[in-house]
PDB file of all heavy atoms in Angstrom:
ATOM      1  N   ALA A   1    -128.956 -43.320 -79.784  1.00  0.00           N
ATOM      2  CA  ALA A   1    -129.617 -42.019 -79.910  1.00  0.00           C
ATOM      3  C   ALA A   1    -131.120 -42.118 -79.367  1.00  0.00           C
ATOM      4  O   ALA A   1    -131.573 -41.125 -78.788  1.00  0.00           O
ATOM      5  CB  ALA A   1    -129.669 -41.522 -81.342  1.00  0.00           C
ATOM      6  N   ALA A   2    -131.756 -43.215 -79.586  1.00  0.00           N
ATOM      7  CA  ALA A   2    -133.112 -43.380 -79.130  1.00  0.00           C
ATOM      8  C   ALA A   2    -133.125 -43.438 -77.578  1.00  0.00           C
ATOM      9  O   ALA A   2    -134.125 -43.032 -76.980  1.00  0.00           O
ATOM     10  CB  ALA A   2    -133.714 -44.665 -79.723  1.00  0.00           C
ATOM     11  N   GLN A   3    -132.081 -43.901 -76.996  1.00  0.00           N
ATOM     12  CA  GLN A   3    -131.978 -43.945 -75.547  1.00  0.00           C
ATOM     13  C   GLN A   3    -131.581 -42.599 -74.946  1.00  0.00           C
ATOM     14  O   GLN A   3    -131.722 -42.330 -73.742  1.00  0.00           O
ATOM     15  CB  GLN A   3    -130.909 -44.994 -75.071  1.00  0.00           C
ATOM     16  CG  GLN A   3    -131.176 -46.370 -75.628  1.00  0.00           C
ATOM     17  CD  GLN A   3    -132.500 -46.912 -75.313  1.00  0.00           C
ATOM     18  OE1 GLN A   3    -132.944 -46.931 -74.152  1.00  0.00           O
ATOM     19  NE2 GLN A   3    -133.232 -47.392 -76.321  1.00  0.00           N
ATOM     20  N   HIS A   4    -131.100 -41.723 -75.804  1.00  0.00           N
ATOM     21  CA  HIS A   4    -130.674 -40.340 -75.369  1.00  0.00           C
ATOM     22  C   HIS A   4    -131.228 -39.321 -76.282  1.00  0.00           C
ATOM     23  O   HIS A   4    -130.509 -38.618 -77.069  1.00  0.00           O
ATOM     24  CB  HIS A   4    -129.065 -40.302 -75.361  1.00  0.00           C
ATOM     25  CG  HIS A   4    -128.448 -41.261 -74.402  1.00  0.00           C
ATOM     26  ND1 HIS A   4    -128.212 -42.562 -74.793  1.00  0.00           N
ATOM     27  CD2 HIS A   4    -128.059 -41.151 -73.120  1.00  0.00           C
ATOM     28  CE1 HIS A   4    -127.612 -43.231 -73.824  1.00  0.00           C
ATOM     29  NE2 HIS A   4    -127.520 -42.435 -72.731  1.00  0.00           N
ATOM     30  N   PRO A   5    -132.580 -39.112 -76.269  1.00  0.00           N
ATOM     31  CA  PRO A   5    -133.239 -38.212 -77.192  1.00  0.00           C
ATOM     32  C   PRO A   5    -132.834 -36.762 -77.121  1.00  0.00           C
ATOM     33  O   PRO A   5    -133.068 -35.974 -78.012  1.00  0.00           O
ATOM     34  CB  PRO A   5    -134.684 -38.361 -76.890  1.00  0.00           C
ATOM     35  CG  PRO A   5    -134.695 -38.915 -75.484  1.00  0.00           C
ATOM     36  CD  PRO A   5    -133.517 -39.747 -75.352  1.00  0.00           C
ATOM     37  N   GLN A   6    -132.154 -36.386 -75.999  1.00  0.00           N
ATOM     38  CA  GLN A   6    -131.746 -35.010 -75.811  1.00  0.00           C
ATOM     39  C   GLN A   6    -130.452 -34.674 -76.619  1.00  0.00           C
ATOM     40  O   GLN A   6    -130.116 -33.532 -76.779  1.00  0.00           O
ATOM     41  CB  GLN A   6    -131.479 -34.710 -74.324  1.00  0.00           C
ATOM     42  CG  GLN A   6    -130.164 -35.222 -73.777  1.00  0.00           C
ATOM     43  CD  GLN A   6    -130.153 -36.741 -73.458  1.00  0.00           C
ATOM     44  OE1 GLN A   6    -131.116 -37.441 -73.786  1.00  0.00           O
ATOM     45  NE2 GLN A   6    -129.074 -37.238 -72.867  1.00  0.00           N
ATOM     46  N   VAL A   7    -129.843 -35.702 -77.168  1.00  0.00           N
ATOM     47  CA  VAL A   7    -128.582 -35.513 -77.931  1.00  0.00           C
ATOM     48  C   VAL A   7    -128.932 -35.078 -79.341  1.00  0.00           C
ATOM     49  O   VAL A   7    -129.776 -35.677 -80.000  1.00  0.00           O
ATOM     50  CB  VAL A   7    -127.796 -36.848 -77.964  1.00  0.00           C
ATOM     51  CG1 VAL A   7    -126.548 -36.663 -78.850  1.00  0.00           C
ATOM     52  CG2 VAL A   7    -127.343 -37.250 -76.602  1.00  0.00           C
ATOM     53  N   ALA A   8    -128.161 -34.104 -79.839  1.00  0.00           N
ATOM     54  CA  ALA A   8    -128.351 -33.689 -81.231  1.00  0.00           C
ATOM     55  C   ALA A   8    -127.418 -34.574 -82.064  1.00  0.00           C
ATOM     56  O   ALA A   8    -126.194 -34.414 -82.020  1.00  0.00           O
ATOM     57  CB  ALA A   8    -127.988 -32.214 -81.370  1.00  0.00           C
ATOM     58  N   LEU A   9    -128.003 -35.463 -82.892  1.00  0.00           N
ATOM     59  CA  LEU A   9    -127.193 -36.305 -83.706  1.00  0.00           C
ATOM     60  C   LEU A   9    -127.192 -35.785 -85.151  1.00  0.00           C
ATOM     61  O   LEU A   9    -128.187 -35.602 -85.789  1.00  0.00           O
ATOM     62  CB  LEU A   9    -127.855 -37.690 -83.733  1.00  0.00           C
ATOM     63  CG  LEU A   9    -127.150 -38.775 -84.572  1.00  0.00           C
ATOM     64  CD1 LEU A   9    -125.746 -39.028 -84.139  1.00  0.00           C
ATOM     65  CD2 LEU A   9    -128.006 -40.129 -84.591  1.00  0.00           C
ATOM     66  N   LEU A  10    -125.964 -35.526 -85.653  1.00  0.00           N
ATOM     67  CA  LEU A  10    -125.777 -35.021 -86.971  1.00  0.00           C
ATOM     68  C   LEU A  10    -125.011 -36.049 -87.857  1.00  0.00           C
ATOM     69  O   LEU A  10    -124.056 -36.635 -87.327  1.00  0.00           O
ATOM     70  CB  LEU A  10    -124.994 -33.692 -86.927  1.00  0.00           C
ATOM     71  CG  LEU A  10    -125.636 -32.633 -86.054  1.00  0.00           C
ATOM     72  CD1 LEU A  10    -124.740 -31.342 -86.033  1.00  0.00           C
ATOM     73  CD2 LEU A  10    -127.042 -32.221 -86.571  1.00  0.00           C
ATOM     74  N   ARG A  11    -125.447 -36.116 -89.129  1.00  0.00           N
ATOM     75  CA  ARG A  11    -124.754 -37.108 -90.042  1.00  0.00           C
ATOM     76  C   ARG A  11    -124.409 -36.394 -91.346  1.00  0.00           C
ATOM     77  O   ARG A  11    -125.256 -36.113 -92.187  1.00  0.00           O
ATOM     78  CB  ARG A  11    -125.714 -38.260 -90.280  1.00  0.00           C
ATOM     79  CG  ARG A  11    -125.747 -39.270 -89.186  1.00  0.00           C
ATOM     80  CD  ARG A  11    -126.760 -40.413 -89.430  1.00  0.00           C
ATOM     81  NE  ARG A  11    -126.543 -41.516 -88.584  1.00  0.00           N
ATOM     82  CZ  ARG A  11    -127.465 -42.281 -88.037  1.00  0.00           C
ATOM     83  NH1 ARG A  11    -128.761 -42.039 -88.347  1.00  0.00           N
ATOM     84  NH2 ARG A  11    -127.162 -43.299 -87.276  1.00  0.00           N
ATOM     85  N   PRO A  12    -123.166 -36.068 -91.534  1.00  0.00           N
ATOM     86  CA  PRO A  12    -122.731 -35.411 -92.812  1.00  0.00           C
ATOM     87  C   PRO A  12    -122.769 -36.413 -93.968  1.00  0.00           C
ATOM     88  O   PRO A  12    -122.813 -37.636 -93.705  1.00  0.00           O
ATOM     89  CB  PRO A  12    -121.261 -34.975 -92.513  1.00  0.00           C
ATOM     90  CG  PRO A  12    -120.855 -35.950 -91.473  1.00  0.00           C
ATOM     91  CD  PRO A  12    -122.016 -36.195 -90.606  1.00  0.00           C
ATOM     92  N   PRO A  13    -122.820 -35.962 -95.189  1.00  0.00           N
ATOM     93  CA  PRO A  13    -122.938 -36.810 -96.372  1.00  0.00           C
ATOM     94  C   PRO A  13    -121.610 -37.515 -96.745  1.00  0.00           C
ATOM     95  O   PRO A  13    -120.824 -37.053 -97.516  1.00  0.00           O
ATOM     96  CB  PRO A  13    -123.402 -35.869 -97.491  1.00  0.00           C
ATOM     97  CG  PRO A  13    -122.782 -34.576 -97.081  1.00  0.00           C
ATOM     98  CD  PRO A  13    -122.858 -34.522 -95.548  1.00  0.00           C
ATOM     99  N   VAL A  14    -121.419 -38.706 -96.173  1.00  0.00           N
ATOM    100  CA  VAL A  14    -120.143 -39.412 -96.355  1.00  0.00           C
ATOM    101  C   VAL A  14    -120.323 -40.827 -96.846  1.00  0.00           C
ATOM    102  O   VAL A  14    -119.346 -41.641 -96.974  1.00  0.00           O
ATOM    103  CB  VAL A  14    -119.299 -39.473 -95.034  1.00  0.00           C
ATOM    104  CG1 VAL A  14    -118.849 -38.097 -94.617  1.00  0.00           C
ATOM    105  CG2 VAL A  14    -120.109 -40.079 -93.911  1.00  0.00           C
ATOM    106  N   ASP A  15    -121.564 -41.200 -97.274  1.00  0.00           N
ATOM    107  CA  ASP A  15    -121.874 -42.567 -97.590  1.00  0.00           C
ATOM    108  C   ASP A  15    -121.005 -43.184 -98.693  1.00  0.00           C
ATOM    109  O   ASP A  15    -120.660 -44.378 -98.592  1.00  0.00           O
ATOM    110  CB  ASP A  15    -123.323 -42.627 -98.089  1.00  0.00           C
ATOM    111  CG  ASP A  15    -124.322 -42.439 -96.949  1.00  0.00           C
ATOM    112  OD1 ASP A  15    -123.929 -42.319 -95.772  1.00  0.00           O
ATOM    113  OD2 ASP A  15    -125.538 -42.320 -97.225  1.00  0.00           O
ATOM    114  N   HIS A  16    -120.602 -42.409 -99.661  1.00  0.00           N
ATOM    115  CA  HIS A  16    -119.839 -43.016-100.806  1.00  0.00           C
ATOM    116  C   HIS A  16    -118.378 -42.978-100.635  1.00  0.00           C
ATOM    117  O   HIS A  16    -117.627 -43.311-101.593  1.00  0.00           O
ATOM    118  CB  HIS A  16    -120.294 -42.348-102.104  1.00  0.00           C
ATOM    119  CG  HIS A  16    -120.045 -40.863-102.174  1.00  0.00           C
ATOM    120  ND1 HIS A  16    -120.878 -39.971-101.568  1.00  0.00           N
ATOM    121  CD2 HIS A  16    -119.070 -40.129-102.764  1.00  0.00           C
ATOM    122  CE1 HIS A  16    -120.435 -38.758-101.775  1.00  0.00           C
ATOM    123  NE2 HIS A  16    -119.331 -38.800-102.511  1.00  0.00           N
ATOM    124  N   TYR A  17    -117.876 -42.618 -99.433  1.00  0.00           N
ATOM    125  CA  TYR A  17    -116.458 -42.697 -99.196  1.00  0.00           C
ATOM    126  C   TYR A  17    -116.081 -43.968 -98.386  1.00  0.00           C
ATOM    127  O   TYR A  17    -116.911 -44.364 -97.547  1.00  0.00           O
ATOM    128  CB  TYR A  17    -115.982 -41.416 -98.437  1.00  0.00           C
ATOM    129  CG  TYR A  17    -116.077 -40.171 -99.261  1.00  0.00           C
ATOM    130  CD1 TYR A  17    -117.025 -39.252 -99.013  1.00  0.00           C
ATOM    131  CD2 TYR A  17    -115.168 -39.956-100.283  1.00  0.00           C
ATOM    132  CE1 TYR A  17    -117.180 -38.062 -99.780  1.00  0.00           C
ATOM    133  CE2 TYR A  17    -115.295 -38.812-101.091  1.00  0.00           C
ATOM    134  CZ  TYR A  17    -116.292 -37.891-100.800  1.00  0.00           C
ATOM    135  OH  TYR A  17    -116.360 -36.753-101.589  1.00  0.00           O
ATOM    136  N   ARG A  18    -114.944 -44.463 -98.626  1.00  0.00           N
ATOM    137  CA  ARG A  18    -114.530 -45.633 -97.864  1.00  0.00           C
ATOM    138  C   ARG A  18    -113.577 -45.218 -96.737  1.00  0.00           C
ATOM    139  O   ARG A  18    -112.996 -44.151 -96.718  1.00  0.00           O
ATOM    140  CB  ARG A  18    -113.779 -46.654 -98.803  1.00  0.00           C
ATOM    141  CG  ARG A  18    -114.746 -47.265 -99.810  1.00  0.00           C
ATOM    142  CD  ARG A  18    -114.050 -48.320-100.682  1.00  0.00           C
ATOM    143  NE  ARG A  18    -114.998 -48.941-101.564  1.00  0.00           N
ATOM    144  CZ  ARG A  18    -114.688 -49.874-102.475  1.00  0.00           C
ATOM    145  NH1 ARG A  18    -113.393 -50.238-102.598  1.00  0.00           N
ATOM    146  NH2 ARG A  18    -115.613 -50.421-103.250  1.00  0.00           N
ATOM    147  N   ALA A  19    -113.387 -46.123 -95.795  1.00  0.00           N
ATOM    148  CA  ALA A  19    -112.675 -45.840 -94.596  1.00  0.00           C
ATOM    149  C   ALA A  19    -111.203 -45.444 -94.822  1.00  0.00           C
ATOM    150  O   ALA A  19    -110.608 -44.607 -94.103  1.00  0.00           O
ATOM    151  CB  ALA A  19    -112.683 -46.996 -93.625  1.00  0.00           C
ATOM    152  N   LEU A  20    -110.601 -45.936 -95.911  1.00  0.00           N
ATOM    153  CA  LEU A  20    -109.216 -45.663 -96.199  1.00  0.00           C
ATOM    154  C   LEU A  20    -108.997 -44.630 -97.282  1.00  0.00           C
ATOM    155  O   LEU A  20    -107.907 -44.539 -97.846  1.00  0.00           O
ATOM    156  CB  LEU A  20    -108.460 -46.931 -96.533  1.00  0.00           C
ATOM    157  CG  LEU A  20    -108.471 -48.026 -95.407  1.00  0.00           C
ATOM    158  CD1 LEU A  20    -107.728 -49.269 -95.840  1.00  0.00           C
ATOM    159  CD2 LEU A  20    -107.832 -47.489 -94.123  1.00  0.00           C
ATOM    160  N   ASP A  21    -109.991 -43.825 -97.576  1.00  0.00           N
ATOM    161  CA  ASP A  21    -109.928 -42.812 -98.697  1.00  0.00           C
ATOM    162  C   ASP A  21    -109.233 -41.542 -98.221  1.00  0.00           C
ATOM    163  O   ASP A  21    -109.667 -40.451 -98.527  1.00  0.00           O
ATOM    164  CB  ASP A  21    -111.331 -42.449 -99.143  1.00  0.00           C
ATOM    165  CG  ASP A  21    -111.884 -43.465-100.194  1.00  0.00           C
ATOM    166  OD1 ASP A  21    -111.063 -44.215-100.702  1.00  0.00           O
ATOM    167  OD2 ASP A  21    -113.064 -43.426-100.463  1.00  0.00           O
ATOM    168  N   PHE A  22    -108.102 -41.658 -97.541  1.00  0.00           N
ATOM    169  CA  PHE A  22    -107.468 -40.454 -97.048  1.00  0.00           C
ATOM    170  C   PHE A  22    -106.807 -39.629 -98.124  1.00  0.00           C
ATOM    171  O   PHE A  22    -106.555 -38.435 -97.886  1.00  0.00           O
ATOM    172  CB  PHE A  22    -106.383 -40.879 -95.998  1.00  0.00           C
ATOM    173  CG  PHE A  22    -106.948 -41.314 -94.646  1.00  0.00           C
ATOM    174  CD1 PHE A  22    -107.136 -42.666 -94.339  1.00  0.00           C
ATOM    175  CD2 PHE A  22    -107.471 -40.344 -93.780  1.00  0.00           C
ATOM    176  CE1 PHE A  22    -107.715 -43.016 -93.215  1.00  0.00           C
ATOM    177  CE2 PHE A  22    -107.990 -40.760 -92.497  1.00  0.00           C
ATOM    178  CZ  PHE A  22    -108.170 -42.095 -92.252  1.00  0.00           C
ATOM    179  N   LEU A  23    -106.541 -40.202 -99.277  1.00  0.00           N
ATOM    180  CA  LEU A  23    -106.059 -39.400-100.367  1.00  0.00           C
ATOM    181  C   LEU A  23    -107.147 -38.489-100.982  1.00  0.00           C
ATOM    182  O   LEU A  23    -106.943 -37.649-101.810  1.00  0.00           O
ATOM    183  CB  LEU A  23    -105.502 -40.264-101.481  1.00  0.00           C
ATOM    184  CG  LEU A  23    -104.137 -40.920-101.159  1.00  0.00           C
ATOM    185  CD1 LEU A  23    -103.689 -41.888-102.242  1.00  0.00           C
ATOM    186  CD2 LEU A  23    -103.051 -39.864-100.947  1.00  0.00           C
ATOM    187  N   LYS A  24    -108.394 -38.667-100.511  1.00  0.00           N
ATOM    188  CA  LYS A  24    -109.508 -37.798-100.926  1.00  0.00           C
ATOM    189  C   LYS A  24    -109.852 -36.787 -99.822  1.00  0.00           C
ATOM    190  O   LYS A  24    -110.980 -36.357 -99.766  1.00  0.00           O
ATOM    191  CB  LYS A  24    -110.761 -38.704-101.225  1.00  0.00           C
ATOM    192  CG  LYS A  24    -110.532 -39.637-102.408  1.00  0.00           C
ATOM    193  CD  LYS A  24    -111.776 -40.433-102.718  1.00  0.00           C
ATOM    194  CE  LYS A  24    -111.601 -41.350-103.911  1.00  0.00           C
ATOM    195  NZ  LYS A  24    -112.801 -42.195-104.162  1.00  0.00           N
ATOM    196  N   THR A  25    -108.861 -36.452 -99.034  1.00  0.00           N
ATOM    197  CA  THR A  25    -109.104 -35.547 -97.887  1.00  0.00           C
ATOM    198  C   THR A  25    -109.793 -34.255 -98.326  1.00  0.00           C
ATOM    199  O   THR A  25    -110.791 -33.867 -97.718  1.00  0.00           O
ATOM    200  CB  THR A  25    -107.803 -35.226 -97.185  1.00  0.00           C
ATOM    201  OG1 THR A  25    -107.318 -36.447 -96.493  1.00  0.00           O
ATOM    202  CG2 THR A  25    -107.992 -34.133 -96.135  1.00  0.00           C
ATOM    203  N   LYS A  26    -109.255 -33.603 -99.333  1.00  0.00           N
ATOM    204  CA  LYS A  26    -109.857 -32.303 -99.759  1.00  0.00           C
ATOM    205  C   LYS A  26    -111.248 -32.468-100.252  1.00  0.00           C
ATOM    206  O   LYS A  26    -112.119 -31.597-100.022  1.00  0.00           O
ATOM    207  CB  LYS A  26    -108.942 -31.649-100.846  1.00  0.00           C
ATOM    208  CG  LYS A  26    -107.611 -31.171-100.272  1.00  0.00           C
ATOM    209  CD  LYS A  26    -106.759 -30.457-101.369  1.00  0.00           C
ATOM    210  CE  LYS A  26    -105.485 -29.937-100.768  1.00  0.00           C
ATOM    211  NZ  LYS A  26    -104.586 -29.297-101.770  1.00  0.00           N
ATOM    212  N   GLU A  27    -111.522 -33.549-100.991  1.00  0.00           N
ATOM    213  CA  GLU A  27    -112.833 -33.787-101.549  1.00  0.00           C
ATOM    214  C   GLU A  27    -113.826 -34.037-100.371  1.00  0.00           C
ATOM    215  O   GLU A  27    -114.948 -33.531-100.391  1.00  0.00           O
ATOM    216  CB  GLU A  27    -112.837 -35.040-102.441  1.00  0.00           C
ATOM    217  CG  GLU A  27    -114.095 -35.425-103.070  1.00  0.00           C
ATOM    218  CD  GLU A  27    -113.964 -36.650-103.945  1.00  0.00           C
ATOM    219  OE1 GLU A  27    -112.898 -36.880-104.527  1.00  0.00           O
ATOM    220  OE2 GLU A  27    -114.967 -37.406-104.039  1.00  0.00           O
ATOM    221  N   ILE A  28    -113.407 -34.835 -99.382  1.00  0.00           N
ATOM    222  CA  ILE A  28    -114.291 -35.144 -98.235  1.00  0.00           C
ATOM    223  C   ILE A  28    -114.596 -33.876 -97.486  1.00  0.00           C
ATOM    224  O   ILE A  28    -115.773 -33.595 -97.134  1.00  0.00           O
ATOM    225  CB  ILE A  28    -113.633 -36.210 -97.277  1.00  0.00           C
ATOM    226  CG1 ILE A  28    -113.545 -37.546 -98.057  1.00  0.00           C
ATOM    227  CG2 ILE A  28    -114.442 -36.385 -96.015  1.00  0.00           C
ATOM    228  CD1 ILE A  28    -112.723 -38.577 -97.293  1.00  0.00           C
ATOM    229  N   LEU A  29    -113.603 -33.084 -97.183  1.00  0.00           N
ATOM    230  CA  LEU A  29    -113.812 -31.797 -96.451  1.00  0.00           C
ATOM    231  C   LEU A  29    -114.682 -30.875 -97.227  1.00  0.00           C
ATOM    232  O   LEU A  29    -115.536 -30.189 -96.623  1.00  0.00           O
ATOM    233  CB  LEU A  29    -112.450 -31.182 -96.131  1.00  0.00           C
ATOM    234  CG  LEU A  29    -111.651 -31.898 -95.055  1.00  0.00           C
ATOM    235  CD1 LEU A  29    -110.248 -31.222 -94.877  1.00  0.00           C
ATOM    236  CD2 LEU A  29    -112.397 -31.929 -93.730  1.00  0.00           C
ATOM    237  N   ALA A  30    -114.553 -30.790 -98.561  1.00  0.00           N
ATOM    238  CA  ALA A  30    -115.362 -29.899 -99.372  1.00  0.00           C
ATOM    239  C   ALA A  30    -116.850 -30.381 -99.335  1.00  0.00           C
ATOM    240  O   ALA A  30    -117.744 -29.570 -99.180  1.00  0.00           O
ATOM    241  CB  ALA A  30    -114.853 -29.875-100.781  1.00  0.00           C
ATOM    242  N   GLU A  31    -117.045 -31.702 -99.465  1.00  0.00           N
ATOM    243  CA  GLU A  31    -118.403 -32.208 -99.562  1.00  0.00           C
ATOM    244  C   GLU A  31    -119.155 -32.125 -98.194  1.00  0.00           C
ATOM    245  O   GLU A  31    -120.368 -32.071 -98.245  1.00  0.00           O
ATOM    246  CB  GLU A  31    -118.379 -33.642-100.092  1.00  0.00           C
ATOM    247  CG  GLU A  31    -119.762 -34.168-100.417  1.00  0.00           C
ATOM    248  CD  GLU A  31    -119.773 -35.279-101.413  1.00  0.00           C
ATOM    249  OE1 GLU A  31    -118.713 -35.474-102.072  1.00  0.00           O
ATOM    250  OE2 GLU A  31    -120.831 -35.968-101.586  1.00  0.00           O
ATOM    251  N   THR A  32    -118.438 -32.109 -97.141  1.00  0.00           N
ATOM    252  CA  THR A  32    -119.105 -32.083 -95.809  1.00  0.00           C
ATOM    253  C   THR A  32    -119.007 -30.711 -95.161  1.00  0.00           C
ATOM    254  O   THR A  32    -119.292 -30.582 -93.928  1.00  0.00           O
ATOM    255  CB  THR A  32    -118.429 -33.133 -94.903  1.00  0.00           C
ATOM    256  OG1 THR A  32    -117.001 -32.866 -94.772  1.00  0.00           O
ATOM    257  CG2 THR A  32    -118.570 -34.576 -95.428  1.00  0.00           C
ATOM    258  N   ALA A  33    -118.676 -29.693 -95.907  1.00  0.00           N
ATOM    259  CA  ALA A  33    -118.441 -28.363 -95.346  1.00  0.00           C
ATOM    260  C   ALA A  33    -119.698 -27.829 -94.651  1.00  0.00           C
ATOM    261  O   ALA A  33    -119.581 -27.020 -93.647  1.00  0.00           O
ATOM    262  CB  ALA A  33    -118.045 -27.354 -96.433  1.00  0.00           C
ATOM    263  N   ALA A  34    -120.912 -28.245 -95.056  1.00  0.00           N
ATOM    264  CA  ALA A  34    -122.087 -27.720 -94.452  1.00  0.00           C
ATOM    265  C   ALA A  34    -122.243 -28.131 -92.994  1.00  0.00           C
ATOM    266  O   ALA A  34    -122.964 -27.438 -92.204  1.00  0.00           O
ATOM    267  CB  ALA A  34    -123.297 -28.224 -95.221  1.00  0.00           C
ATOM    268  N   LEU A  35    -121.507 -29.114 -92.569  1.00  0.00           N
ATOM    269  CA  LEU A  35    -121.564 -29.585 -91.160  1.00  0.00           C
ATOM    270  C   LEU A  35    -121.134 -28.424 -90.205  1.00  0.00           C
ATOM    271  O   LEU A  35    -121.667 -28.325 -89.108  1.00  0.00           O
ATOM    272  CB  LEU A  35    -120.684 -30.796 -90.948  1.00  0.00           C
ATOM    273  CG  LEU A  35    -120.601 -31.324 -89.510  1.00  0.00           C
ATOM    274  CD1 LEU A  35    -121.985 -31.875 -89.108  1.00  0.00           C
ATOM    275  CD2 LEU A  35    -119.604 -32.489 -89.403  1.00  0.00           C
ATOM    276  N   ARG A  36    -120.209 -27.603 -90.663  1.00  0.00           N
ATOM    277  CA  ARG A  36    -119.753 -26.495 -89.863  1.00  0.00           C
ATOM    278  C   ARG A  36    -120.941 -25.614 -89.378  1.00  0.00           C
ATOM    279  O   ARG A  36    -121.048 -25.308 -88.171  1.00  0.00           O
ATOM    280  CB  ARG A  36    -118.729 -25.672 -90.673  1.00  0.00           C
ATOM    281  CG  ARG A  36    -118.176 -24.470 -89.954  1.00  0.00           C
ATOM    282  CD  ARG A  36    -117.105 -23.827 -90.920  1.00  0.00           C
ATOM    283  NE  ARG A  36    -116.568 -22.620 -90.453  1.00  0.00           N
ATOM    284  CZ  ARG A  36    -115.547 -21.945 -91.092  1.00  0.00           C
ATOM    285  NH1 ARG A  36    -115.106 -22.472 -92.259  1.00  0.00           N
ATOM    286  NH2 ARG A  36    -115.094 -20.837 -90.628  1.00  0.00           N
ATOM    287  N   ASP A  37    -121.772 -25.179 -90.356  1.00  0.00           N
ATOM    288  CA  ASP A  37    -122.897 -24.367 -90.031  1.00  0.00           C
ATOM    289  C   ASP A  37    -124.014 -25.135 -89.282  1.00  0.00           C
ATOM    290  O   ASP A  37    -124.671 -24.565 -88.370  1.00  0.00           O
ATOM    291  CB  ASP A  37    -123.543 -23.743 -91.291  1.00  0.00           C
ATOM    292  CG  ASP A  37    -122.701 -22.595 -91.809  1.00  0.00           C
ATOM    293  OD1 ASP A  37    -121.987 -21.999 -91.030  1.00  0.00           O
ATOM    294  OD2 ASP A  37    -122.776 -22.355 -93.030  1.00  0.00           O
TER     295      ASP A  37
END
């Protein structure tokens, strides 16, 4: 991102989820809903 400052880099709040937490799909989508706006 530092090499491409024109890029808009967005980071939704996903820190406390693990890579294989697919059974938490609804929870992840609910917690990151603000990314849409």
